[in-house]
Protein backbone atom coordinates (compact mmCIF):
# COMPACT_ATOMS: atom_id res chain seq x y z
CA MET A 1 50.58 105.54 106.93
CA PHE A 2 52.40 106.91 103.92
CA ARG A 3 52.77 104.84 100.81
CA THR A 4 55.76 105.43 98.61
CA ARG A 5 56.12 104.23 95.07
CA TRP A 6 59.17 102.15 94.40
CA SER A 7 60.61 102.92 91.02
CA GLU A 8 62.29 100.31 88.87
CA LYS A 9 65.69 101.83 89.55
CA ARG A 10 65.18 101.70 93.30
CA ILE A 11 64.11 98.03 93.15
CA LEU A 12 67.07 97.23 90.89
CA GLY A 13 69.39 99.01 93.33
CA LEU A 14 67.97 97.04 96.24
CA ILE A 15 68.48 93.75 94.35
CA ALA A 16 72.06 94.82 93.51
CA ALA A 17 72.73 95.61 97.17
CA LEU A 18 71.34 92.24 98.31
CA VAL A 19 73.38 90.31 95.72
CA GLY A 20 76.46 92.24 96.83
CA LEU A 21 75.69 91.47 100.46
CA VAL A 22 75.55 87.76 99.69
CA ALA A 23 78.81 88.01 97.70
CA GLY A 24 80.55 89.86 100.55
CA ILE A 25 79.41 87.33 103.14
CA LEU A 26 80.53 84.41 100.95
CA ILE A 27 83.94 86.04 100.44
CA LEU A 28 84.31 86.55 104.20
CA ILE A 29 83.37 82.91 104.77
CA ALA A 30 86.01 81.89 102.23
CA ALA A 31 88.54 84.09 104.03
CA THR A 32 88.03 82.25 107.31
CA ALA A 33 87.96 78.75 105.79
CA GLY A 34 91.01 76.62 106.45
CA GLN A 35 93.67 77.06 109.07
CA GLY A 36 93.81 80.82 109.53
CA VAL A 37 92.29 84.01 108.22
CA SER A 38 93.43 85.36 104.86
CA LEU A 39 93.79 89.08 105.47
CA LEU A 40 93.66 90.07 101.80
CA THR A 41 90.51 88.04 101.17
CA ALA A 42 88.89 89.53 104.27
CA VAL A 43 89.67 93.06 103.03
CA VAL A 44 88.18 92.17 99.64
CA GLY A 45 85.03 90.86 101.35
CA LEU A 46 84.72 94.03 103.40
CA GLY A 47 85.21 96.07 100.20
CA VAL A 48 82.30 94.29 98.52
CA LEU A 49 80.16 94.83 101.62
CA TYR A 50 81.05 98.53 101.58
CA GLY A 51 80.21 98.78 97.88
CA SER A 52 76.85 97.13 98.55
CA TYR A 53 76.20 99.58 101.38
CA LEU A 54 76.91 102.48 99.04
CA ILE A 55 74.52 101.06 96.44
CA TYR A 56 71.81 100.65 99.07
CA ARG A 57 72.42 104.06 100.62
CA GLY A 58 72.47 105.75 97.24
CA LYS A 59 69.14 104.27 96.18
CA THR A 60 67.25 104.75 99.46
CA GLY A 61 68.45 108.27 100.27
CA LEU A 62 66.42 111.43 100.47
CA PRO A 63 63.76 112.02 97.83
CA PHE A 64 64.15 114.24 94.75
CA GLY A 65 67.91 113.63 94.54
CA TRP A 66 68.76 115.52 97.74
CA GLY A 67 71.94 114.19 99.28
CA PHE A 68 73.57 113.24 95.98
CA GLY A 69 72.57 109.58 96.21
CA TRP A 70 73.35 108.83 92.56
CA GLY A 71 77.07 109.32 93.18
CA LYS A 72 77.13 106.89 96.08
CA ALA A 73 75.23 104.23 94.15
CA ARG A 74 77.50 104.59 91.12
CA LEU A 75 80.66 104.47 93.26
CA GLY A 76 79.43 101.37 95.10
CA ALA A 77 78.61 99.67 91.81
CA TRP A 78 82.09 100.41 90.44
CA ILE A 79 83.70 99.11 93.65
CA ASN A 80 81.81 95.81 93.41
CA LEU A 81 82.45 95.48 89.68
CA ILE A 82 86.21 96.13 89.95
CA ILE A 83 86.66 93.87 92.98
CA GLY A 84 84.62 91.11 91.30
CA VAL A 85 86.64 91.23 88.09
CA ALA A 86 89.95 91.45 89.97
CA THR A 87 89.19 88.43 92.16
CA LEU A 88 88.00 86.46 89.14
CA ILE A 89 91.04 87.19 86.96
CA LEU A 90 93.94 87.43 89.40
CA HIS A 91 95.71 84.25 90.40
CA GLY A 92 95.08 83.40 94.03
CA GLY A 93 91.87 85.44 94.16
CA VAL A 94 88.60 84.18 95.54
CA GLY A 95 87.17 83.33 92.11
CA GLY A 96 84.07 81.30 91.44
CA THR A 97 80.58 82.14 92.59
CA GLU A 98 81.62 84.93 94.94
CA SER A 99 83.35 86.91 92.21
CA ILE A 100 80.50 86.43 89.76
CA LEU A 101 77.98 87.62 92.36
CA ALA A 102 80.09 90.73 92.99
CA ILE A 103 80.22 91.39 89.22
CA VAL A 104 76.44 90.95 88.92
CA SER A 105 75.96 93.32 91.85
CA GLY A 106 78.17 95.91 90.16
CA VAL A 107 76.38 95.64 86.83
CA LEU A 108 72.92 95.86 88.43
CA GLY A 109 74.11 98.79 90.52
CA LEU A 110 75.31 100.63 87.42
CA LEU A 111 71.98 99.98 85.71
CA ALA A 112 70.17 101.32 88.78
CA ALA A 113 72.34 104.43 89.13
């Protein structure tokens, strides 16, 4: 069985992706809470999940930089960071823990990229 070394950036990227996954799931739960489904909040939750996927895919891609994984990880981090800040600042956004987790995911993703 092959053993691969996990670098600090890869571990940081994995943590960023997991935090983003939790943020996306919490945003989707908030979108379905209440009477109906808030379409805008659901799209925001899916955006955070997509950003987390890009962070994960960018940090676990092919070795030696093949496949341009750094671009995917950086794009995913920016997506999570922008969505997190927007939902925290804008009136009527999700706000609270979900937004802060998305911001943390974006910052960790940028550090890992």
